[in-house]
Protein backbone atom coordinates (compact mmCIF):
# COMPACT_ATOMS: atom_id res chain seq x y z
CA MET A 1 -4.28 6.94 0.03
CA SER A 2 -6.91 8.45 -2.25
CA SER A 3 -10.11 9.92 -0.89
CA ASP A 4 -13.34 7.93 -1.23
CA CYS A 5 -14.91 10.99 -2.85
CA GLY A 6 -12.64 10.67 -5.88
CA SER A 7 -10.32 13.54 -5.00
CA ASP A 8 -6.81 13.55 -6.40
CA LEU A 9 -5.39 14.83 -3.12
CA VAL A 10 -2.90 12.54 -1.41
CA SER A 11 -2.94 12.26 2.37
CA LEU A 12 0.57 11.93 3.80
CA PRO A 13 1.03 9.91 6.97
CA SER A 14 1.50 12.23 9.90
CA PRO A 15 2.18 11.83 13.61
CA VAL A 16 0.08 14.93 14.23
CA THR A 17 -3.57 14.83 15.14
CA SER A 18 -5.19 18.03 16.34
CA PHE A 19 -8.69 18.69 17.56
CA PRO A 20 -9.43 22.41 17.05
CA ASP A 21 -12.78 22.29 18.86
CA GLU A 22 -11.20 21.04 22.09
CA GLU A 23 -10.21 23.38 24.89
CA PRO A 24 -6.44 23.99 24.49
CA VAL A 25 -4.21 22.53 27.16
CA LYS A 26 -1.99 25.02 28.98
CA ALA A 27 1.44 23.57 28.36
CA VAL A 28 4.72 24.14 30.16
CA ARG A 29 8.28 23.81 28.88
CA ASP A 30 10.17 20.63 29.69
CA LYS A 31 13.21 21.41 31.83
CA ARG A 32 15.52 19.00 30.02
CA PHE A 33 14.40 18.84 26.39
CA TYR A 34 13.91 22.49 25.47
CA PHE A 35 16.86 23.87 23.56
CA SER A 36 16.57 23.67 19.77
CA ASN A 37 14.45 24.36 16.67
CA VAL A 38 11.13 22.49 16.55
CA ILE A 39 8.54 22.54 19.33
CA PHE A 40 6.41 19.48 20.05
CA GLN A 41 3.60 19.26 22.56
CA VAL A 42 2.90 15.94 24.29
CA GLU A 43 0.12 16.02 26.85
CA ASP A 44 0.74 19.25 28.82
CA THR A 45 4.47 19.60 28.08
CA LEU A 46 6.44 21.41 25.38
CA TYR A 47 9.67 19.97 23.95
CA ASN A 48 12.01 22.09 21.82
CA VAL A 49 14.41 19.68 20.09
CA PRO A 50 16.39 19.34 16.83
CA ARG A 51 14.27 18.30 13.88
CA GLN A 52 17.17 16.69 11.98
CA PRO A 53 17.20 13.40 13.96
CA PHE A 54 13.47 13.03 13.39
CA MET A 55 13.81 13.69 9.66
CA ARG A 56 16.79 11.34 9.41
CA GLU A 57 15.17 8.43 11.24
CA SER A 58 11.56 8.73 10.08
CA ASP A 59 10.00 9.19 6.65
CA VAL A 60 6.86 10.33 8.47
CA PHE A 61 8.62 13.34 10.00
CA HIS A 62 10.77 13.88 6.91
CA ASP A 63 7.68 14.26 4.74
CA MET A 64 5.93 16.45 7.30
CA PHE A 65 8.84 18.87 7.76
CA SER A 66 9.60 18.94 4.02
CA LEU A 67 6.15 20.22 3.02
CA PRO A 68 6.19 23.80 1.74
CA LEU A 69 4.47 26.25 4.05
CA ALA A 70 1.17 27.29 2.49
CA GLU A 71 -0.27 30.75 3.06
CA ASN A 72 -3.20 29.39 5.03
CA ARG A 73 -1.14 26.90 7.01
CA ARG A 74 -0.16 27.58 10.60
CA ASN A 75 3.53 27.80 11.51
CA GLU A 76 3.36 24.67 13.64
CA GLY A 77 6.43 23.91 15.67
CA LEU A 78 7.92 27.40 15.59
CA SER A 79 6.44 28.79 18.81
CA ASP A 80 5.03 27.70 22.15
CA GLU A 81 1.65 28.98 21.02
CA GLU A 82 1.56 26.75 17.92
CA PRO A 83 3.55 23.57 18.63
CA VAL A 84 3.41 20.32 16.70
CA LEU A 85 0.77 18.36 18.61
CA LEU A 86 1.54 14.68 19.14
CA GLN A 87 -1.72 13.02 20.16
CA SER A 88 -2.09 9.52 21.64
CA VAL A 89 1.52 9.64 22.88
CA SER A 90 2.58 9.68 26.52
CA LYS A 91 5.24 11.98 27.93
CA ALA A 92 7.10 9.01 29.38
CA ASP A 93 7.32 7.23 26.01
CA PHE A 94 8.36 10.40 24.18
CA GLU A 95 11.06 11.33 26.69
CA ARG A 96 12.52 7.83 26.51
CA LEU A 97 12.75 8.11 22.72
CA LEU A 98 14.34 11.55 23.02
CA SER A 99 16.88 10.22 25.51
CA LEU A 100 18.00 7.68 22.93
CA MET A 101 17.92 10.03 19.93
CA LEU A 102 19.59 12.96 21.72
CA PRO A 103 22.35 11.48 23.90
CA ASP A 104 23.94 14.89 24.47
CA ALA A 105 20.82 16.23 26.15
CA GLY A 106 21.63 14.94 29.60
CA GLU A 107 22.80 12.01 31.67
CA ASP A 108 23.91 8.68 30.25
CA PHE A 109 20.91 6.66 29.15
CA ILE A 110 21.00 2.89 29.53
CA PRO A 111 17.41 1.78 28.81
CA THR A 112 15.62 -0.76 30.94
CA LEU A 113 13.22 -3.25 29.36
CA ASP A 114 10.23 -0.97 29.96
CA GLU A 115 12.12 1.93 28.38
CA TRP A 116 13.02 -0.16 25.33
CA ILE A 117 9.32 -1.08 24.98
CA SER A 118 8.47 2.63 24.89
CA ILE A 119 11.12 3.18 22.23
CA LEU A 120 9.88 0.20 20.23
CA LYS A 121 6.32 1.53 20.42
CA LEU A 122 7.11 4.98 19.02
CA SER A 123 9.70 3.82 16.49
CA THR A 124 7.07 1.45 15.09
CA LEU A 125 4.35 4.11 15.15
CA TRP A 126 6.51 6.69 13.35
CA ASP A 127 8.34 4.31 10.99
CA MET A 128 11.85 4.59 12.42
CA PRO A 129 13.37 1.29 11.19
CA ARG A 130 16.90 1.71 12.54
CA ILE A 131 15.73 2.62 16.02
CA ARG A 132 13.13 -0.17 15.94
CA GLU A 133 15.75 -2.78 15.02
CA ARG A 134 18.05 -1.50 17.74
CA ALA A 135 15.27 -1.78 20.32
CA ILE A 136 14.37 -5.32 19.22
CA LYS A 137 18.01 -6.43 19.43
CA ARG A 138 18.60 -4.92 22.87
CA MET A 139 15.35 -6.29 24.33
CA VAL A 140 16.10 -9.96 23.62
CA PRO A 141 18.58 -10.57 26.49
CA LEU A 142 16.35 -8.62 28.89
CA MET A 143 13.26 -10.77 28.35
CA GLN A 144 12.92 -14.01 30.29
CA ASP A 145 9.15 -14.43 30.18
CA PRO A 146 7.98 -16.16 26.95
CA ILE A 147 4.42 -14.91 27.44
CA GLN A 148 5.59 -11.30 27.51
CA LYS A 149 7.76 -11.95 24.45
CA ILE A 150 4.77 -13.37 22.55
CA GLU A 151 2.56 -10.43 23.56
CA ILE A 152 5.14 -7.91 22.35
CA ALA A 153 5.83 -9.90 19.19
CA ARG A 154 2.14 -9.98 18.34
CA GLU A 155 1.61 -6.27 19.03
CA TYR A 156 4.66 -5.05 17.12
CA GLU A 157 4.93 -7.80 14.47
CA ILE A 158 8.31 -9.27 15.47
CA ASP A 159 8.20 -12.56 13.58
CA ASP A 160 11.58 -13.85 14.75
CA TRP A 161 10.50 -13.99 18.40
CA MET A 162 7.52 -16.30 17.96
CA LEU A 163 8.95 -19.80 17.48
CA PRO A 164 11.62 -19.56 20.23
CA ALA A 165 9.06 -18.26 22.74
CA LEU A 166 6.49 -20.92 21.79
CA ASN A 167 9.11 -23.65 22.01
CA GLN A 168 10.01 -22.41 25.48
CA LEU A 169 6.36 -22.72 26.57
CA VAL A 170 5.99 -26.15 25.01
CA GLN A 171 9.12 -27.60 26.57
CA ARG A 172 8.95 -26.20 30.09
CA ASP A 173 7.73 -28.43 32.91
CA GLU A 174 4.98 -26.08 34.15
CA ALA A 175 1.67 -26.06 32.34
CA LEU A 176 0.15 -22.77 31.22
CA SER A 177 -1.47 -20.91 34.08
CA VAL A 178 -4.96 -19.40 33.96
CA GLU A 179 -3.52 -15.90 33.71
CA GLU A 180 -1.21 -16.94 30.89
CA GLY A 181 -4.15 -18.53 29.09
CA LYS A 182 -6.13 -15.29 29.36
CA LYS A 183 -3.27 -13.37 27.78
CA LEU A 184 -2.87 -15.85 24.93
CA GLY A 185 -6.56 -16.47 24.22
CA LEU A 186 -8.58 -19.71 24.39
CA GLU A 187 -7.90 -21.19 20.95
CA TYR A 188 -4.23 -20.30 21.11
CA THR A 189 -3.92 -21.88 24.58
CA LEU A 190 -5.65 -25.10 23.48
CA LYS A 191 -3.38 -25.48 20.49
CA LEU A 192 -0.29 -24.99 22.65
CA ALA A 193 -1.61 -27.55 25.15
CA SER A 194 -2.02 -30.14 22.40
CA ILE A 195 1.55 -29.57 21.21
CA ARG A 196 2.87 -29.78 24.78
CA GLU A 197 1.14 -33.11 25.29
CA CYS A 198 2.54 -34.55 22.09
CA CYS A 199 6.09 -33.28 22.56
CA HIS A 200 6.28 -34.20 26.25
CA PHE A 201 5.11 -37.73 25.48
CA ASN A 202 7.72 -38.11 22.76
CA ASN A 203 10.40 -36.70 25.03
CA ARG A 204 9.55 -39.06 27.90
CA THR A 205 9.62 -42.01 25.48
CA TYR A 206 12.96 -40.89 24.06
CA LYS A 207 14.49 -40.55 27.54
CA TRP A 208 13.26 -44.05 28.48
CA GLU A 209 14.78 -45.55 25.32
CA LEU A 210 18.14 -43.89 25.94
CA GLY A 211 18.23 -44.73 29.63
CA ARG A 212 17.82 -42.30 32.52
CA SER A 213 21.60 -41.85 32.84
CA ARG A 214 21.62 -39.94 29.55
CA GLY A 215 19.60 -37.10 31.09
CA TYR A 216 17.08 -34.69 29.58
CA THR A 217 17.03 -34.05 25.84
CA ASP A 218 15.28 -30.96 24.45
CA TRP A 219 12.92 -31.46 21.56
CA ASN A 220 12.62 -28.75 18.96
CA CYS A 221 8.92 -28.45 18.16
CA ASP A 222 9.15 -25.90 15.36
CA ASP A 223 7.73 -28.29 12.76
CA ARG A 224 4.83 -29.28 15.01
CA LEU A 225 4.12 -25.64 15.86
CA ARG A 226 4.04 -24.72 12.18
CA GLU A 227 1.75 -27.65 11.46
CA VAL A 228 -0.76 -26.80 14.19
CA PHE A 229 -0.74 -23.05 13.54
CA ASN A 230 -0.39 -23.53 9.78
CA GLU A 231 2.40 -21.34 8.37
CA LEU A 232 3.29 -19.73 11.65
CA ASN A 233 3.90 -16.00 11.46
CA ILE A 234 2.59 -12.89 13.15
CA ARG A 235 -0.41 -12.56 10.89
CA SER A 236 -1.62 -16.13 11.49
CA VAL A 237 -1.12 -15.75 15.25
CA LEU A 238 -3.03 -12.49 15.40
CA ALA A 239 -5.89 -14.05 13.47
CA LEU A 240 -6.52 -16.62 16.20
């Protein structure tokens, strides 16, 4: 992205944000992830791990590590004194990503839902498409709550999750709770309520016409959802 001042310099995306005026944090080596050739600092902990997986999975890291070392540039990542600083990242999230990327570093790692969310967060932040897709695929069977699925879909732009989760909310017997409404937002909640009313009325009428012995019949409300929310996708949902 070009500078507003008309400079021809190009700013590469980078996971690194340093604040030289801040008091440096005294960091300690991680006991598990300290064994290879690039040193990261997250919060107060140092991680010494292979750079190849990061370069392979992420264009962000590939570009950063491929830059030639200028004379006035610090040797970041080569010593404990000058690590690559990863700001706005938690140790828990980073260690979960490392556990997936470096399976030989320790015990078998079978991520829980919360751990997959951490992996999804960082793989989205650092543009790691293969890891992101793997996280999305593995999270689906672990998620039963449609509200949580919608929240994650909105935050990380997972279009394919929206209609199934919305249909689940529309077709269930229980109305949206106050807490669920707070999470979804007022306008979003009102639109869902209007679709629920319409679809539940049609479903009750359909059951009565078929006879009670035929049982419950699910209605797919995708078309109605698209109509009410216009062309339903992540961007239109986030704009509400």
